[in-house]
Amino acid sequence: MLLRGLKVWVGGPIRELTAVVTVSDDGGSSGRLRREFGILPPGDIRSCIVALADDEDLLARLFQYRFDEGEGLSGHSFGNLFLTALAGITGDFYEAILTAEAVLSVRGRILPATLSDLRLHAKGLSGRTYEGESAVGGSGEPLQEILLEPEAPPGFGPAIEAIRQADLVVLGPGSLYTSVIANLLIPDIDAAIRESRGKVVLPLNLMTQSGETEGMSALDHLDAIERYLGSGAIDTVVVNTARLPKESLPAYREEGSEPVMVDDEAFRQRGIEVVGDDLLAEGKLIRHDRFKLARAILSVLKPEDAAEVDAGVKLAE
């Protein structure tokens, strides 16, 4: 969602846009291809390629097309199979990504955080252990510790350099443990963020995630990230100030999801800048609006470009 909003300003306020993607997914189509072909899980990378595609119409929809029948095909997306085939032809998964970027005229770069074969593990407060991203994301209890296997995989060189040279490093929004913190467990990525010359921004999730962040406040999200990234690493948090639709909340509560409670003053007392704005998309689903979120992120990067960003939002809408 964020990439779809930010790509509008590539070539304007944004000189270069790079997505660094976690590669620990072990479920669904990605998990099956990973186990059968020994490649990195392609699903999240495919979604980022589509999000940054210059034309999100036919080719992008083709990449997202998921087969719902057929022996061996059911559950797979065309884009995942395409990346798997390219990896087989080129013998290099990153070359497969580059080819897919060219096919879809991507406005940016997509980089895996590491080329290593990773497994995500966690220990809950109950002492129970969870093995694999799917199990970690569905733990249903507060997590005491998150680990990678292997313990300290090397980061992907271009991803490390992109983070170090970035004017702005954005962590999320997304699944706290299985998407954001999973990347922080890679020592090279963790170090690159801390050494980055730019601001580090945390756009806060609108709702808690059932099975992963139930009962966690915005400050709890920050504490979890700082447990791995270190205290003082986050410069700015971006928060939604619009009222969430009351009629939508009961359905979310039934699934164990609640609004993420934000205490602006608690962040300021920790020396963190708070950028608040209406970030809510229209409709019954509680989601970020891609243009509103991108505008808020860009206001941190270049406040002087606010007028250009607002004009771009109106044009894109």
C-alpha atoms as a PDB file:
ATOM      1  CA  MET A   1       0.000   0.000   0.000  1.00  0.00           C
ATOM      2  CA  LEU A   2       2.781   2.410   0.907  1.00  0.00           C
ATOM      3  CA  LEU A   3       4.781   1.640  -2.232  1.00  0.00           C
ATOM      4  CA  ARG A   4       1.721   2.193  -4.412  1.00  0.00           C
ATOM      5  CA  GLY A   5       1.360   5.638  -2.894  1.00  0.00           C
ATOM      6  CA  LEU A   6       5.023   6.640  -2.950  1.00  0.00           C
ATOM      7  CA  LYS A   7       5.744   5.614  -6.545  1.00  0.00           C
ATOM      8  CA  VAL A   8       3.649   8.570  -7.779  1.00  0.00           C
ATOM      9  CA  TRP A   9       6.452  10.926  -6.744  1.00  0.00           C
ATOM     10  CA  VAL A  10       9.439   9.016  -8.114  1.00  0.00           C
ATOM     11  CA  GLY A  11      11.275  11.531 -10.289  1.00  0.00           C
ATOM     12  CA  GLY A  12       9.894  14.411  -8.198  1.00  0.00           C
ATOM     13  CA  PRO A  13      10.325  14.672  -4.423  1.00  0.00           C
ATOM     14  CA  ILE A  14      11.589  11.061  -4.473  1.00  0.00           C
ATOM     15  CA  ARG A  15      14.864  10.571  -6.333  1.00  0.00           C
ATOM     16  CA  GLU A  16      14.979   6.815  -5.775  1.00  0.00           C
ATOM     17  CA  LEU A  17      12.598   4.351  -4.111  1.00  0.00           C
ATOM     18  CA  THR A  18      13.771   0.984  -2.772  1.00  0.00           C
ATOM     19  CA  ALA A  19      11.818  -1.785  -1.040  1.00  0.00           C
ATOM     20  CA  VAL A  20      13.806  -4.150   1.206  1.00  0.00           C
ATOM     21  CA  VAL A  21      11.713  -7.282   1.619  1.00  0.00           C
ATOM     22  CA  THR A  22      11.719 -10.019   4.241  1.00  0.00           C
ATOM     23  CA  VAL A  23      12.253 -13.570   2.957  1.00  0.00           C
ATOM     24  CA  SER A  24      11.118 -15.790   5.835  1.00  0.00           C
ATOM     25  CA  ASP A  25       7.632 -16.645   4.510  1.00  0.00           C
ATOM     26  CA  ASP A  26       6.894 -20.373   4.784  1.00  0.00           C
ATOM     27  CA  GLY A  27       3.162 -20.494   4.100  1.00  0.00           C
ATOM     28  CA  GLY A  28       0.863 -20.764   1.081  1.00  0.00           C
ATOM     29  CA  SER A  29       2.201 -20.675  -2.456  1.00  0.00           C
ATOM     30  CA  SER A  30       5.521 -19.128  -1.388  1.00  0.00           C
ATOM     31  CA  GLY A  31       6.154 -21.848   1.168  1.00  0.00           C
ATOM     32  CA  ARG A  32       5.368 -24.619  -1.305  1.00  0.00           C
ATOM     33  CA  LEU A  33       7.698 -23.210  -3.981  1.00  0.00           C
ATOM     34  CA  ARG A  34      10.389 -22.620  -1.409  1.00  0.00           C
ATOM     35  CA  ARG A  35      10.288 -26.224  -0.261  1.00  0.00           C
ATOM     36  CA  GLU A  36       9.978 -27.765  -3.726  1.00  0.00           C
ATOM     37  CA  PHE A  37      12.508 -25.641  -5.633  1.00  0.00           C
ATOM     38  CA  GLY A  38      14.848 -24.335  -2.933  1.00  0.00           C
ATOM     39  CA  ILE A  39      14.294 -20.677  -3.853  1.00  0.00           C
ATOM     40  CA  LEU A  40      13.571 -17.635  -1.717  1.00  0.00           C
ATOM     41  CA  PRO A  41       9.836 -17.236  -1.023  1.00  0.00           C
ATOM     42  CA  PRO A  42       8.574 -15.089  -3.916  1.00  0.00           C
ATOM     43  CA  GLY A  43       5.197 -13.874  -2.573  1.00  0.00           C
ATOM     44  CA  ASP A  44       6.133 -10.641  -0.789  1.00  0.00           C
ATOM     45  CA  ILE A  45       8.629  -9.757  -3.502  1.00  0.00           C
ATOM     46  CA  ARG A  46       5.953 -10.339  -6.165  1.00  0.00           C
ATOM     47  CA  SER A  47       3.535  -8.051  -4.315  1.00  0.00           C
ATOM     48  CA  CYS A  48       6.164  -5.284  -4.152  1.00  0.00           C
ATOM     49  CA  ILE A  49       6.922  -5.648  -7.864  1.00  0.00           C
ATOM     50  CA  VAL A  50       3.223  -5.260  -8.664  1.00  0.00           C
ATOM     51  CA  ALA A  51       2.862  -2.314  -6.266  1.00  0.00           C
ATOM     52  CA  LEU A  52       5.690  -0.445  -8.028  1.00  0.00           C
ATOM     53  CA  ALA A  53       4.578  -1.368 -11.544  1.00  0.00           C
ATOM     54  CA  ASP A  54       4.143   1.689 -13.744  1.00  0.00           C
ATOM     55  CA  ASP A  55       0.895   0.241 -15.087  1.00  0.00           C
ATOM     56  CA  GLU A  56      -1.110  -1.711 -12.527  1.00  0.00           C
ATOM     57  CA  ASP A  57      -3.607  -2.936 -15.095  1.00  0.00           C
ATOM     58  CA  LEU A  58      -3.290  -6.095 -17.201  1.00  0.00           C
ATOM     59  CA  LEU A  59       0.272  -7.304 -16.517  1.00  0.00           C
ATOM     60  CA  ALA A  60       0.076  -6.453 -12.825  1.00  0.00           C
ATOM     61  CA  ARG A  61      -3.259  -8.266 -12.511  1.00  0.00           C
ATOM     62  CA  LEU A  62      -1.717 -11.217 -14.338  1.00  0.00           C
ATOM     63  CA  PHE A  63       1.123 -11.370 -11.795  1.00  0.00           C
ATOM     64  CA  GLN A  64      -1.431 -11.403  -8.962  1.00  0.00           C
ATOM     65  CA  TYR A  65      -3.693 -13.994 -10.625  1.00  0.00           C
ATOM     66  CA  ARG A  66      -4.111 -17.013  -8.373  1.00  0.00           C
ATOM     67  CA  PHE A  67      -5.116 -20.423  -9.711  1.00  0.00           C
ATOM     68  CA  ASP A  68      -8.086 -21.829  -7.786  1.00  0.00           C
ATOM     69  CA  GLU A  69      -8.076 -25.247  -9.400  1.00  0.00           C
ATOM     70  CA  GLY A  70      -5.784 -27.684 -11.165  1.00  0.00           C
ATOM     71  CA  GLU A  71      -3.659 -30.400  -9.619  1.00  0.00           C
ATOM     72  CA  GLY A  72      -0.394 -28.843  -8.452  1.00  0.00           C
ATOM     73  CA  LEU A  73      -1.477 -25.361  -9.579  1.00  0.00           C
ATOM     74  CA  SER A  74      -4.253 -24.609  -7.095  1.00  0.00           C
ATOM     75  CA  GLY A  75      -3.227 -21.872  -4.655  1.00  0.00           C
ATOM     76  CA  HIS A  76      -0.263 -20.643  -6.688  1.00  0.00           C
ATOM     77  CA  SER A  77      -0.145 -17.151  -8.170  1.00  0.00           C
ATOM     78  CA  PHE A  78       1.120 -16.625 -11.704  1.00  0.00           C
ATOM     79  CA  GLY A  79       3.729 -14.130 -10.466  1.00  0.00           C
ATOM     80  CA  ASN A  80       5.186 -16.648  -8.017  1.00  0.00           C
ATOM     81  CA  LEU A  81       5.478 -19.256 -10.779  1.00  0.00           C
ATOM     82  CA  PHE A  82       6.983 -16.661 -13.140  1.00  0.00           C
ATOM     83  CA  LEU A  83       9.701 -15.729 -10.624  1.00  0.00           C
ATOM     84  CA  THR A  84      10.379 -19.402  -9.922  1.00  0.00           C
ATOM     85  CA  ALA A  85      10.775 -20.125 -13.639  1.00  0.00           C
ATOM     86  CA  LEU A  86      13.065 -17.119 -14.120  1.00  0.00           C
ATOM     87  CA  ALA A  87      15.197 -18.204 -11.165  1.00  0.00           C
ATOM     88  CA  GLY A  88      15.522 -21.637 -12.785  1.00  0.00           C
ATOM     89  CA  ILE A  89      16.487 -20.171 -16.171  1.00  0.00           C
ATOM     90  CA  THR A  90      18.988 -17.628 -14.843  1.00  0.00           C
ATOM     91  CA  GLY A  91      20.187 -19.656 -11.861  1.00  0.00           C
ATOM     92  CA  ASP A  92      19.926 -16.483  -9.767  1.00  0.00           C
ATOM     93  CA  PHE A  93      16.849 -15.330  -7.832  1.00  0.00           C
ATOM     94  CA  TYR A  94      17.927 -11.690  -7.879  1.00  0.00           C
ATOM     95  CA  GLU A  95      18.280 -11.833 -11.677  1.00  0.00           C
ATOM     96  CA  ALA A  96      14.699 -13.130 -11.726  1.00  0.00           C
ATOM     97  CA  ILE A  97      13.587 -10.060  -9.742  1.00  0.00           C
ATOM     98  CA  LEU A  98      15.428  -7.709 -12.122  1.00  0.00           C
ATOM     99  CA  THR A  99      13.777  -9.335 -15.143  1.00  0.00           C
ATOM    100  CA  ALA A 100      10.321  -9.087 -13.587  1.00  0.00           C
ATOM    101  CA  GLU A 101      10.975  -5.421 -12.751  1.00  0.00           C
ATOM    102  CA  ALA A 102      11.784  -4.775 -16.409  1.00  0.00           C
ATOM    103  CA  VAL A 103       8.678  -6.627 -17.646  1.00  0.00           C
ATOM    104  CA  LEU A 104       6.394  -4.516 -15.435  1.00  0.00           C
ATOM    105  CA  SER A 105       8.329  -1.231 -15.843  1.00  0.00           C
ATOM    106  CA  VAL A 106       8.800  -0.934 -12.100  1.00  0.00           C
ATOM    107  CA  ARG A 107       9.312   2.549 -10.649  1.00  0.00           C
ATOM    108  CA  GLY A 108      11.889   1.640  -8.019  1.00  0.00           C
ATOM    109  CA  ARG A 109      13.921  -1.329  -6.823  1.00  0.00           C
ATOM    110  CA  ILE A 110      12.950  -4.459  -4.907  1.00  0.00           C
ATOM    111  CA  LEU A 111      15.721  -6.059  -2.879  1.00  0.00           C
ATOM    112  CA  PRO A 112      15.580  -9.145  -0.650  1.00  0.00           C
ATOM    113  CA  ALA A 113      16.988  -8.430   2.808  1.00  0.00           C
ATOM    114  CA  THR A 114      19.210 -11.507   2.452  1.00  0.00           C
ATOM    115  CA  LEU A 115      19.782 -14.306  -0.045  1.00  0.00           C
ATOM    116  CA  SER A 116      20.014 -16.857   2.783  1.00  0.00           C
ATOM    117  CA  ASP A 117      17.411 -19.552   3.398  1.00  0.00           C
ATOM    118  CA  LEU A 118      15.804 -18.335   6.651  1.00  0.00           C
ATOM    119  CA  ARG A 119      13.528 -19.820   9.280  1.00  0.00           C
ATOM    120  CA  LEU A 120      11.762 -17.611  11.815  1.00  0.00           C
ATOM    121  CA  HIS A 121      11.369 -18.850  15.404  1.00  0.00           C
ATOM    122  CA  ALA A 122       9.814 -17.326  18.509  1.00  0.00           C
ATOM    123  CA  LYS A 123       9.291 -17.957  22.193  1.00  0.00           C
ATOM    124  CA  GLY A 124       6.076 -16.802  23.859  1.00  0.00           C
ATOM    125  CA  LEU A 125       5.665 -15.560  27.419  1.00  0.00           C
ATOM    126  CA  SER A 126       4.131 -18.945  28.245  1.00  0.00           C
ATOM    127  CA  GLY A 127       7.443 -20.581  27.343  1.00  0.00           C
ATOM    128  CA  ARG A 128       5.971 -22.211  24.272  1.00  0.00           C
ATOM    129  CA  THR A 129       8.116 -22.110  21.121  1.00  0.00           C
ATOM    130  CA  TYR A 130       6.936 -21.448  17.570  1.00  0.00           C
ATOM    131  CA  GLU A 131       8.786 -22.548  14.438  1.00  0.00           C
ATOM    132  CA  GLY A 132       8.188 -20.895  11.083  1.00  0.00           C
ATOM    133  CA  GLU A 133       6.709 -17.533  10.110  1.00  0.00           C
ATOM    134  CA  SER A 134       3.157 -18.892   9.903  1.00  0.00           C
ATOM    135  CA  ALA A 135       3.345 -20.292  13.435  1.00  0.00           C
ATOM    136  CA  VAL A 136       4.929 -17.110  14.811  1.00  0.00           C
ATOM    137  CA  GLY A 137       2.261 -14.933  13.198  1.00  0.00           C
ATOM    138  CA  GLY A 138      -0.489 -17.073  14.687  1.00  0.00           C
ATOM    139  CA  SER A 139       1.004 -17.547  18.169  1.00  0.00           C
ATOM    140  CA  GLY A 140      -1.875 -15.774  19.919  1.00  0.00           C
ATOM    141  CA  GLU A 141       0.277 -14.698  22.869  1.00  0.00           C
ATOM    142  CA  PRO A 142       2.842 -11.971  23.639  1.00  0.00           C
ATOM    143  CA  LEU A 143       6.209 -12.914  22.201  1.00  0.00           C
ATOM    144  CA  GLN A 144       9.249 -12.848  24.428  1.00  0.00           C
ATOM    145  CA  GLU A 145      11.932 -13.523  21.836  1.00  0.00           C
ATOM    146  CA  ILE A 146      12.256 -13.724  18.045  1.00  0.00           C
ATOM    147  CA  LEU A 147      15.092 -15.664  16.430  1.00  0.00           C
ATOM    148  CA  LEU A 148      16.370 -16.517  12.974  1.00  0.00           C
ATOM    149  CA  GLU A 149      17.826 -19.791  11.767  1.00  0.00           C
ATOM    150  CA  PRO A 150      20.647 -19.418  10.807  1.00  0.00           C
ATOM    151  CA  GLU A 151      21.230 -16.996  13.639  1.00  0.00           C
ATOM    152  CA  ALA A 152      23.205 -14.275  11.818  1.00  0.00           C
ATOM    153  CA  PRO A 153      22.652 -14.515   8.046  1.00  0.00           C
ATOM    154  CA  PRO A 154      24.539 -12.020   5.863  1.00  0.00           C
ATOM    155  CA  GLY A 155      22.491  -9.148   4.515  1.00  0.00           C
ATOM    156  CA  PHE A 156      22.167  -8.632   0.765  1.00  0.00           C
ATOM    157  CA  GLY A 157      24.843  -6.094  -0.238  1.00  0.00           C
ATOM    158  CA  PRO A 158      22.656  -3.774  -2.385  1.00  0.00           C
ATOM    159  CA  ALA A 159      19.992  -3.692   0.364  1.00  0.00           C
ATOM    160  CA  ILE A 160      22.583  -2.747   2.998  1.00  0.00           C
ATOM    161  CA  GLU A 161      23.973   0.043   0.821  1.00  0.00           C
ATOM    162  CA  ALA A 162      20.499   1.351  -0.070  1.00  0.00           C
ATOM    163  CA  ILE A 163      19.608   1.664   3.618  1.00  0.00           C
ATOM    164  CA  ARG A 164      22.884   3.362   4.523  1.00  0.00           C
ATOM    165  CA  GLN A 165      22.496   5.927   1.746  1.00  0.00           C
ATOM    166  CA  ALA A 166      18.773   6.560   2.224  1.00  0.00           C
ATOM    167  CA  ASP A 167      17.439   9.983   3.180  1.00  0.00           C
ATOM    168  CA  LEU A 168      14.504   8.227   4.826  1.00  0.00           C
ATOM    169  CA  VAL A 169      14.160   4.672   6.156  1.00  0.00           C
ATOM    170  CA  VAL A 170      10.540   3.584   6.664  1.00  0.00           C
ATOM    171  CA  LEU A 171       9.768   0.541   8.836  1.00  0.00           C
ATOM    172  CA  GLY A 172       6.325  -0.684   7.835  1.00  0.00           C
ATOM    173  CA  PRO A 173       3.436  -0.453   8.207  1.00  0.00           C
ATOM    174  CA  GLY A 174       2.975  -4.202   8.314  1.00  0.00           C
ATOM    175  CA  SER A 175       3.130  -7.266  10.518  1.00  0.00           C
ATOM    176  CA  LEU A 176       5.299  -6.220  13.457  1.00  0.00           C
ATOM    177  CA  TYR A 177       7.206  -9.437  14.110  1.00  0.00           C
ATOM    178  CA  THR A 178       6.996 -11.396  10.867  1.00  0.00           C
ATOM    179  CA  SER A 179       7.602  -8.483   8.461  1.00  0.00           C
ATOM    180  CA  VAL A 180       9.387  -5.633  10.286  1.00  0.00           C
ATOM    181  CA  ILE A 181      11.348  -7.259  13.110  1.00  0.00           C
ATOM    182  CA  ALA A 182      12.236 -10.272  10.937  1.00  0.00           C
ATOM    183  CA  ASN A 183      14.504  -7.941   8.931  1.00  0.00           C
ATOM    184  CA  LEU A 184      16.018  -6.390  12.071  1.00  0.00           C
ATOM    185  CA  LEU A 185      17.292  -9.821  13.110  1.00  0.00           C
ATOM    186  CA  ILE A 186      19.752  -9.717  10.195  1.00  0.00           C
ATOM    187  CA  PRO A 187      22.831  -8.038  11.765  1.00  0.00           C
ATOM    188  CA  ASP A 188      23.869  -6.236   8.563  1.00  0.00           C
ATOM    189  CA  ILE A 189      20.375  -4.789   8.070  1.00  0.00           C
ATOM    190  CA  ASP A 190      20.127  -3.785  11.733  1.00  0.00           C
ATOM    191  CA  ALA A 191      23.524  -2.036  11.566  1.00  0.00           C
ATOM    192  CA  ALA A 192      22.687  -0.304   8.273  1.00  0.00           C
ATOM    193  CA  ILE A 193      19.516   1.210   9.764  1.00  0.00           C
ATOM    194  CA  ARG A 194      21.369   2.465  12.827  1.00  0.00           C
ATOM    195  CA  GLU A 195      24.168   3.866  10.643  1.00  0.00           C
ATOM    196  CA  SER A 196      21.851   5.373   8.029  1.00  0.00           C
ATOM    197  CA  ARG A 197      22.352   9.058   7.309  1.00  0.00           C
ATOM    198  CA  GLY A 198      18.595   9.607   7.036  1.00  0.00           C
ATOM    199  CA  LYS A 199      15.688   9.704   9.454  1.00  0.00           C
ATOM    200  CA  VAL A 200      14.120   6.423  10.561  1.00  0.00           C
ATOM    201  CA  VAL A 201      10.324   6.524  10.462  1.00  0.00           C
ATOM    202  CA  LEU A 202       7.759   4.154  11.952  1.00  0.00           C
ATOM    203  CA  PRO A 203       4.258   4.442  10.427  1.00  0.00           C
ATOM    204  CA  LEU A 204       2.037   2.886  13.079  1.00  0.00           C
ATOM    205  CA  ASN A 205      -0.465   0.186  12.216  1.00  0.00           C
ATOM    206  CA  LEU A 206      -4.125   1.190  12.536  1.00  0.00           C
ATOM    207  CA  MET A 207      -5.206  -2.091  14.141  1.00  0.00           C
ATOM    208  CA  THR A 208      -3.560  -4.826  16.161  1.00  0.00           C
ATOM    209  CA  GLN A 209      -3.022  -8.093  14.312  1.00  0.00           C
ATOM    210  CA  SER A 210      -4.804 -11.159  15.597  1.00  0.00           C
ATOM    211  CA  GLY A 211      -2.355 -13.786  16.780  1.00  0.00           C
ATOM    212  CA  GLU A 212       0.656 -11.470  16.569  1.00  0.00           C
ATOM    213  CA  THR A 213       0.116  -8.125  18.340  1.00  0.00           C
ATOM    214  CA  GLU A 214      -3.123  -8.554  20.279  1.00  0.00           C
ATOM    215  CA  GLY A 215      -3.407  -6.076  23.154  1.00  0.00           C
ATOM    216  CA  MET A 216      -0.341  -4.076  22.101  1.00  0.00           C
ATOM    217  CA  SER A 217      -0.389  -0.280  22.175  1.00  0.00           C
ATOM    218  CA  ALA A 218       1.590   1.971  19.831  1.00  0.00           C
ATOM    219  CA  LEU A 219       4.266   2.318  22.513  1.00  0.00           C
ATOM    220  CA  ASP A 220       4.422  -1.470  22.825  1.00  0.00           C
ATOM    221  CA  HIS A 221       5.120  -1.648  19.077  1.00  0.00           C
ATOM    222  CA  LEU A 222       7.985   0.821  19.521  1.00  0.00           C
ATOM    223  CA  ASP A 223       9.389  -1.081  22.507  1.00  0.00           C
ATOM    224  CA  ALA A 224       9.362  -4.334  20.526  1.00  0.00           C
ATOM    225  CA  ILE A 225      11.297  -2.730  17.672  1.00  0.00           C
ATOM    226  CA  GLU A 226      13.794  -1.019  19.996  1.00  0.00           C
ATOM    227  CA  ARG A 227      14.455  -4.361  21.686  1.00  0.00           C
ATOM    228  CA  TYR A 228      16.251  -5.325  18.477  1.00  0.00           C
ATOM    229  CA  LEU A 229      17.172  -2.016  16.844  1.00  0.00           C
ATOM    230  CA  GLY A 230      18.233  -0.227  20.015  1.00  0.00           C
ATOM    231  CA  SER A 231      16.877   2.701  22.022  1.00  0.00           C
ATOM    232  CA  GLY A 232      16.655   6.014  20.180  1.00  0.00           C
ATOM    233  CA  ALA A 233      16.827   4.450  16.703  1.00  0.00           C
ATOM    234  CA  ILE A 234      13.367   5.704  15.675  1.00  0.00           C
ATOM    235  CA  ASP A 235      13.245   9.430  14.885  1.00  0.00           C
ATOM    236  CA  THR A 236       9.590   9.844  13.862  1.00  0.00           C
ATOM    237  CA  VAL A 237       6.297   8.015  14.211  1.00  0.00           C
ATOM    238  CA  VAL A 238       3.444   8.629  11.765  1.00  0.00           C
ATOM    239  CA  VAL A 239      -0.017   8.230  13.284  1.00  0.00           C
ATOM    240  CA  ASN A 240      -3.590   8.379  12.049  1.00  0.00           C
ATOM    241  CA  THR A 241      -5.741  11.120  13.577  1.00  0.00           C
ATOM    242  CA  ALA A 242      -9.017  10.293  11.803  1.00  0.00           C
ATOM    243  CA  ARG A 243     -11.798   8.597  13.764  1.00  0.00           C
ATOM    244  CA  LEU A 244     -12.137   4.933  12.895  1.00  0.00           C
ATOM    245  CA  PRO A 245     -15.617   3.875  11.677  1.00  0.00           C
ATOM    246  CA  LYS A 246     -17.462   2.557  14.748  1.00  0.00           C
ATOM    247  CA  GLU A 247     -19.688   0.312  12.670  1.00  0.00           C
ATOM    248  CA  SER A 248     -16.612  -1.612  11.451  1.00  0.00           C
ATOM    249  CA  LEU A 249     -15.016  -2.286  14.842  1.00  0.00           C
ATOM    250  CA  PRO A 250     -17.252  -5.177  16.053  1.00  0.00           C
ATOM    251  CA  ALA A 251     -16.262  -7.371  13.099  1.00  0.00           C
ATOM    252  CA  TYR A 252     -12.585  -6.706  13.821  1.00  0.00           C
ATOM    253  CA  ARG A 253     -13.061  -7.465  17.529  1.00  0.00           C
ATOM    254  CA  GLU A 254     -14.559 -10.834  16.645  1.00  0.00           C
ATOM    255  CA  GLU A 255     -11.260 -11.638  14.926  1.00  0.00           C
ATOM    256  CA  GLY A 256      -9.179 -10.434  17.890  1.00  0.00           C
ATOM    257  CA  SER A 257      -8.181  -7.090  16.364  1.00  0.00           C
ATOM    258  CA  GLU A 258      -8.481  -3.717  18.138  1.00  0.00           C
ATOM    259  CA  PRO A 259      -7.397  -0.148  17.304  1.00  0.00           C
ATOM    260  CA  VAL A 260      -3.744   0.517  18.151  1.00  0.00           C
ATOM    261  CA  MET A 261      -3.911   3.010  21.024  1.00  0.00           C
ATOM    262  CA  VAL A 262      -1.570   5.987  20.572  1.00  0.00           C
ATOM    263  CA  ASP A 263      -0.224   8.271  23.312  1.00  0.00           C
ATOM    264  CA  ASP A 264       1.467  11.156  21.487  1.00  0.00           C
ATOM    265  CA  GLU A 265       2.975  12.621  24.658  1.00  0.00           C
ATOM    266  CA  ALA A 266       4.607   9.322  25.610  1.00  0.00           C
ATOM    267  CA  PHE A 267       6.444   9.351  22.279  1.00  0.00           C
ATOM    268  CA  ARG A 268       7.504  12.988  22.662  1.00  0.00           C
ATOM    269  CA  GLN A 269       8.866  12.255  26.133  1.00  0.00           C
ATOM    270  CA  ARG A 270      11.115   9.668  24.475  1.00  0.00           C
ATOM    271  CA  GLY A 271      12.391  12.330  22.056  1.00  0.00           C
ATOM    272  CA  ILE A 272      10.414  11.019  19.083  1.00  0.00           C
ATOM    273  CA  GLU A 273       8.707  13.343  16.618  1.00  0.00           C
ATOM    274  CA  VAL A 274       4.998  12.635  16.080  1.00  0.00           C
ATOM    275  CA  VAL A 275       3.459  13.336  12.670  1.00  0.00           C
ATOM    276  CA  GLY A 276      -0.306  12.992  12.784  1.00  0.00           C
ATOM    277  CA  ASP A 277      -2.808  13.248   9.949  1.00  0.00           C
ATOM    278  CA  ASP A 278      -5.937  11.670   8.500  1.00  0.00           C
ATOM    279  CA  LEU A 279      -4.504   8.487   6.965  1.00  0.00           C
ATOM    280  CA  LEU A 280      -7.726   6.497   6.714  1.00  0.00           C
ATOM    281  CA  ALA A 281      -9.080   5.086   3.454  1.00  0.00           C
ATOM    282  CA  GLU A 282     -12.771   5.367   2.690  1.00  0.00           C
ATOM    283  CA  GLY A 283     -15.002   2.354   3.150  1.00  0.00           C
ATOM    284  CA  LYS A 284     -15.862  -0.212   5.819  1.00  0.00           C
ATOM    285  CA  LEU A 285     -12.425  -1.824   5.916  1.00  0.00           C
ATOM    286  CA  ILE A 286      -9.981  -0.100   8.258  1.00  0.00           C
ATOM    287  CA  ARG A 287      -7.021   0.496   5.987  1.00  0.00           C
ATOM    288  CA  HIS A 288      -4.457   3.202   5.245  1.00  0.00           C
ATOM    289  CA  ASP A 289      -5.157   5.340   2.202  1.00  0.00           C
ATOM    290  CA  ARG A 290      -2.092   4.981  -0.002  1.00  0.00           C
ATOM    291  CA  PHE A 291      -1.925   8.648  -1.030  1.00  0.00           C
ATOM    292  CA  LYS A 292      -2.576  10.031   2.441  1.00  0.00           C
ATOM    293  CA  LEU A 293       0.071   7.774   3.964  1.00  0.00           C
ATOM    294  CA  ALA A 294       2.593   8.638   1.249  1.00  0.00           C
ATOM    295  CA  ARG A 295       1.930  12.350   1.770  1.00  0.00           C
ATOM    296  CA  ALA A 296       2.571  12.004   5.517  1.00  0.00           C
ATOM    297  CA  ILE A 297       5.819  10.093   4.882  1.00  0.00           C
ATOM    298  CA  LEU A 298       6.997  12.685   2.364  1.00  0.00           C
ATOM    299  CA  SER A 299       6.210  15.515   4.789  1.00  0.00           C
ATOM    300  CA  VAL A 300       8.899  14.029   7.053  1.00  0.00           C
ATOM    301  CA  LEU A 301      11.362  13.853   4.175  1.00  0.00           C
ATOM    302  CA  LYS A 302      10.737  17.257   2.614  1.00  0.00           C
ATOM    303  CA  PRO A 303       8.267  19.544   4.446  1.00  0.00           C
ATOM    304  CA  GLU A 304       8.961  22.240   1.849  1.00  0.00           C
ATOM    305  CA  ASP A 305       7.443  20.005  -0.865  1.00  0.00           C
ATOM    306  CA  ALA A 306       4.011  19.842   0.810  1.00  0.00           C
ATOM    307  CA  ALA A 307       2.294  21.856  -1.954  1.00  0.00           C
ATOM    308  CA  GLU A 308       3.755  19.636  -4.700  1.00  0.00           C
ATOM    309  CA  VAL A 309       2.735  16.517  -2.791  1.00  0.00           C
ATOM    310  CA  ASP A 310      -0.835  17.753  -2.280  1.00  0.00           C
ATOM    311  CA  ALA A 311      -1.107  18.558  -5.985  1.00  0.00           C
ATOM    312  CA  GLY A 312       0.161  15.077  -6.814  1.00  0.00           C
ATOM    313  CA  VAL A 313      -2.425  13.496  -4.518  1.00  0.00           C
ATOM    314  CA  LYS A 314      -5.264  15.323  -6.261  1.00  0.00           C
ATOM    315  CA  LEU A 315      -3.914  14.347  -9.688  1.00  0.00           C
ATOM    316  CA  ALA A 316      -3.478  10.695  -8.698  1.00  0.00           C
ATOM    317  CA  GLU A 317      -6.947  10.499  -7.145  1.00  0.00           C
END
